[in-house]
N, C-alpha and C. Protein backbone atom coordinates (compact mmCIF):
# COMPACT_ATOMS: atom_id res chain seq x y z
N MET A 1 0.81 -1.19 0.00
CA MET A 1 0.00 0.00 0.00
C MET A 1 0.86 1.26 0.00
N ASN A 2 1.95 1.20 0.77
CA ASN A 2 2.85 2.35 0.83
C ASN A 2 3.49 2.62 -0.53
N LEU A 3 3.89 1.55 -1.22
CA LEU A 3 4.50 1.71 -2.55
C LEU A 3 3.49 2.31 -3.53
N PHE A 4 2.25 1.85 -3.47
CA PHE A 4 1.21 2.37 -4.35
C PHE A 4 0.99 3.87 -4.11
N LEU A 5 0.94 4.28 -2.86
CA LEU A 5 0.74 5.69 -2.54
C LEU A 5 1.93 6.55 -2.96
N GLN A 6 3.14 6.00 -2.85
CA GLN A 6 4.32 6.75 -3.28
C GLN A 6 4.34 6.93 -4.79
N ILE A 7 3.98 5.89 -5.52
CA ILE A 7 3.90 5.99 -6.98
C ILE A 7 2.80 6.96 -7.38
N LEU A 8 1.65 6.89 -6.70
CA LEU A 8 0.55 7.81 -6.96
C LEU A 8 0.96 9.25 -6.69
N LEU A 9 1.74 9.46 -5.65
CA LEU A 9 2.21 10.80 -5.31
C LEU A 9 3.15 11.34 -6.38
N ILE A 10 4.04 10.53 -6.87
CA ILE A 10 4.99 10.97 -7.90
C ILE A 10 4.26 11.29 -9.19
N VAL A 11 3.37 10.40 -9.61
CA VAL A 11 2.64 10.62 -10.86
C VAL A 11 1.74 11.85 -10.76
N SER A 12 1.04 11.99 -9.64
CA SER A 12 0.16 13.14 -9.50
C SER A 12 0.95 14.44 -9.37
N SER A 13 2.13 14.40 -8.78
CA SER A 13 2.97 15.59 -8.69
C SER A 13 3.40 16.07 -10.07
N LEU A 14 3.86 15.14 -10.88
CA LEU A 14 4.29 15.50 -12.23
C LEU A 14 3.12 16.00 -13.07
N LEU A 15 1.98 15.35 -12.94
CA LEU A 15 0.79 15.77 -13.68
C LEU A 15 0.31 17.13 -13.21
N LEU A 16 0.40 17.39 -11.93
CA LEU A 16 -0.02 18.68 -11.38
C LEU A 16 0.89 19.80 -11.87
N ILE A 17 2.17 19.55 -11.96
CA ILE A 17 3.11 20.54 -12.50
C ILE A 17 2.76 20.86 -13.95
N LEU A 18 2.49 19.84 -14.73
CA LEU A 18 2.14 20.03 -16.13
C LEU A 18 0.84 20.82 -16.27
N LEU A 19 -0.16 20.48 -15.47
CA LEU A 19 -1.45 21.17 -15.55
C LEU A 19 -1.35 22.63 -15.13
N VAL A 20 -0.56 22.92 -14.12
CA VAL A 20 -0.39 24.30 -13.69
C VAL A 20 0.32 25.11 -14.77
N LEU A 21 1.28 24.50 -15.44
CA LEU A 21 1.98 25.20 -16.51
C LEU A 21 1.08 25.44 -17.72
N LEU A 22 0.06 24.64 -17.89
CA LEU A 22 -0.85 24.83 -19.01
C LEU A 22 -1.83 25.98 -18.80
N HIS A 23 -2.00 26.42 -17.56
CA HIS A 23 -2.93 27.51 -17.28
C HIS A 23 -2.45 28.81 -17.89
N ARG A 24 -3.41 29.62 -18.25
CA ARG A 24 -3.10 30.91 -18.85
C ARG A 24 -2.80 31.91 -17.76
N GLY A 25 -1.74 32.61 -17.92
CA GLY A 25 -1.39 33.66 -16.98
C GLY A 25 -1.98 34.99 -17.44
N ARG A 26 -1.33 36.05 -17.10
CA ARG A 26 -1.83 37.38 -17.47
C ARG A 26 -1.75 37.60 -18.97
N GLY A 27 -0.65 37.18 -19.58
CA GLY A 27 -0.46 37.46 -20.99
C GLY A 27 -0.71 36.27 -21.90
N GLY A 28 -1.34 35.23 -21.42
CA GLY A 28 -1.54 34.03 -22.23
C GLY A 28 -0.57 32.96 -21.79
N GLY A 29 -0.87 31.75 -22.10
CA GLY A 29 -0.01 30.66 -21.66
C GLY A 29 -0.02 29.52 -22.65
N LEU A 30 0.43 28.40 -22.18
CA LEU A 30 0.51 27.23 -23.04
C LEU A 30 -0.86 26.70 -23.42
N SER A 31 -1.89 27.02 -22.64
CA SER A 31 -3.23 26.53 -22.95
C SER A 31 -3.76 27.13 -24.24
N SER A 32 -3.25 28.28 -24.64
CA SER A 32 -3.70 28.88 -25.89
C SER A 32 -3.23 28.07 -27.10
N LEU A 33 -2.20 27.25 -26.91
CA LEU A 33 -1.75 26.39 -28.01
C LEU A 33 -2.76 25.30 -28.32
N PHE A 34 -3.56 24.92 -27.33
CA PHE A 34 -4.50 23.82 -27.49
C PHE A 34 -5.94 24.30 -27.61
N GLY A 35 -6.14 25.52 -28.09
CA GLY A 35 -7.49 26.00 -28.30
C GLY A 35 -8.04 26.86 -27.19
N GLY A 36 -7.26 27.13 -26.17
CA GLY A 36 -7.73 27.95 -25.07
C GLY A 36 -7.74 29.43 -25.39
N GLY A 37 -7.08 29.82 -26.48
CA GLY A 37 -7.01 31.22 -26.84
C GLY A 37 -8.26 31.73 -27.52
N MET A 38 -9.09 30.87 -28.01
CA MET A 38 -10.31 31.28 -28.71
C MET A 38 -11.43 31.40 -27.70
N GLN A 39 -11.69 32.62 -27.26
CA GLN A 39 -12.70 32.85 -26.23
C GLN A 39 -13.90 33.53 -26.83
N SER A 40 -15.02 33.26 -26.27
CA SER A 40 -16.24 33.98 -26.60
C SER A 40 -16.24 35.28 -25.81
N SER A 41 -16.76 36.33 -26.39
CA SER A 41 -16.76 37.61 -25.69
C SER A 41 -17.81 37.64 -24.59
N LEU A 42 -18.73 36.65 -24.57
CA LEU A 42 -19.78 36.63 -23.56
C LEU A 42 -19.33 35.99 -22.25
N SER A 43 -18.39 35.07 -22.32
CA SER A 43 -17.96 34.36 -21.11
C SER A 43 -16.59 34.85 -20.66
N GLY A 44 -16.32 34.69 -19.36
CA GLY A 44 -15.06 35.15 -18.81
C GLY A 44 -13.90 34.25 -19.19
N SER A 45 -14.16 32.95 -19.32
CA SER A 45 -13.10 32.03 -19.71
C SER A 45 -13.69 30.97 -20.63
N SER A 46 -12.83 30.33 -21.35
CA SER A 46 -13.28 29.36 -22.35
C SER A 46 -13.60 28.02 -21.69
N VAL A 47 -14.20 27.16 -22.45
CA VAL A 47 -14.53 25.81 -21.97
C VAL A 47 -13.26 25.04 -21.67
N VAL A 48 -12.23 25.27 -22.47
CA VAL A 48 -10.96 24.58 -22.25
C VAL A 48 -10.37 24.98 -20.90
N GLU A 49 -10.42 26.26 -20.58
CA GLU A 49 -9.89 26.73 -19.29
C GLU A 49 -10.70 26.16 -18.13
N LYS A 50 -12.01 26.10 -18.27
CA LYS A 50 -12.84 25.56 -17.19
C LYS A 50 -12.54 24.08 -16.98
N ASN A 51 -12.41 23.33 -18.06
CA ASN A 51 -12.07 21.91 -17.93
C ASN A 51 -10.67 21.72 -17.36
N LEU A 52 -9.75 22.59 -17.75
CA LEU A 52 -8.39 22.53 -17.21
C LEU A 52 -8.40 22.84 -15.71
N ASP A 53 -9.23 23.78 -15.30
CA ASP A 53 -9.37 24.08 -13.86
C ASP A 53 -9.91 22.88 -13.10
N ARG A 54 -10.94 22.24 -13.64
CA ARG A 54 -11.53 21.07 -12.97
C ARG A 54 -10.52 19.93 -12.87
N LEU A 55 -9.80 19.69 -13.95
CA LEU A 55 -8.81 18.61 -13.95
C LEU A 55 -7.69 18.90 -12.97
N THR A 56 -7.27 20.15 -12.89
CA THR A 56 -6.21 20.53 -11.95
C THR A 56 -6.67 20.34 -10.51
N LEU A 57 -7.91 20.72 -10.22
CA LEU A 57 -8.43 20.52 -8.86
C LEU A 57 -8.55 19.03 -8.52
N PHE A 58 -8.97 18.22 -9.49
CA PHE A 58 -9.09 16.79 -9.27
C PHE A 58 -7.73 16.15 -8.99
N VAL A 59 -6.74 16.49 -9.79
CA VAL A 59 -5.38 15.94 -9.58
C VAL A 59 -4.80 16.46 -8.28
N GLY A 60 -5.09 17.71 -7.93
CA GLY A 60 -4.64 18.26 -6.65
C GLY A 60 -5.25 17.52 -5.47
N ALA A 61 -6.52 17.15 -5.59
CA ALA A 61 -7.17 16.38 -4.52
C ALA A 61 -6.54 15.00 -4.38
N ILE A 62 -6.23 14.36 -5.50
CA ILE A 62 -5.55 13.06 -5.46
C ILE A 62 -4.19 13.20 -4.81
N TRP A 63 -3.48 14.29 -5.11
CA TRP A 63 -2.16 14.55 -4.54
C TRP A 63 -2.25 14.69 -3.02
N VAL A 64 -3.25 15.45 -2.55
CA VAL A 64 -3.43 15.64 -1.11
C VAL A 64 -3.79 14.32 -0.42
N ILE A 65 -4.67 13.54 -1.04
CA ILE A 65 -5.06 12.25 -0.48
C ILE A 65 -3.87 11.32 -0.37
N ALA A 66 -3.00 11.33 -1.39
CA ALA A 66 -1.80 10.49 -1.35
C ALA A 66 -0.86 10.92 -0.22
N ILE A 67 -0.72 12.22 -0.01
CA ILE A 67 0.16 12.71 1.06
C ILE A 67 -0.40 12.33 2.42
N VAL A 68 -1.71 12.52 2.61
CA VAL A 68 -2.33 12.16 3.89
C VAL A 68 -2.23 10.66 4.12
N GLY A 69 -2.43 9.87 3.08
CA GLY A 69 -2.32 8.41 3.21
C GLY A 69 -0.93 7.97 3.60
N ILE A 70 0.08 8.55 2.98
CA ILE A 70 1.46 8.20 3.32
C ILE A 70 1.76 8.62 4.77
N GLY A 71 1.28 9.80 5.15
CA GLY A 71 1.50 10.26 6.53
C GLY A 71 0.84 9.34 7.55
N LEU A 72 -0.38 8.89 7.26
CA LEU A 72 -1.06 7.99 8.17
C LEU A 72 -0.37 6.62 8.26
N LEU A 73 0.10 6.14 7.12
CA LEU A 73 0.81 4.84 7.13
C LEU A 73 2.11 4.94 7.92
N GLN A 74 2.81 6.06 7.80
CA GLN A 74 4.06 6.21 8.54
C GLN A 74 3.80 6.38 10.04
N LYS A 75 2.67 7.00 10.38
CA LYS A 75 2.34 7.17 11.79
C LYS A 75 1.99 5.83 12.43
N VAL A 76 1.32 4.95 11.69
CA VAL A 76 0.95 3.64 12.21
C VAL A 76 2.18 2.76 12.38
N ASN A 77 3.12 2.85 11.43
CA ASN A 77 4.32 2.02 11.50
C ASN A 77 5.23 2.61 12.49
């Protein structure tokens, strides 16, 4: 179980770094390369940005769960 959580932590960490880098900053970002630059004037952000936000939050939650799980396993041992 400990090995699984450590692998999950590493994979989610790398994925979280990638997802954060894909977000658009003040002047545009890597997400505009994948269609995030085409925005409707009616909405504040595009569908791509909203989905990227949701995916980032989901991976962040997995990352936190893996950290808490590893901490609990180390406390028990």
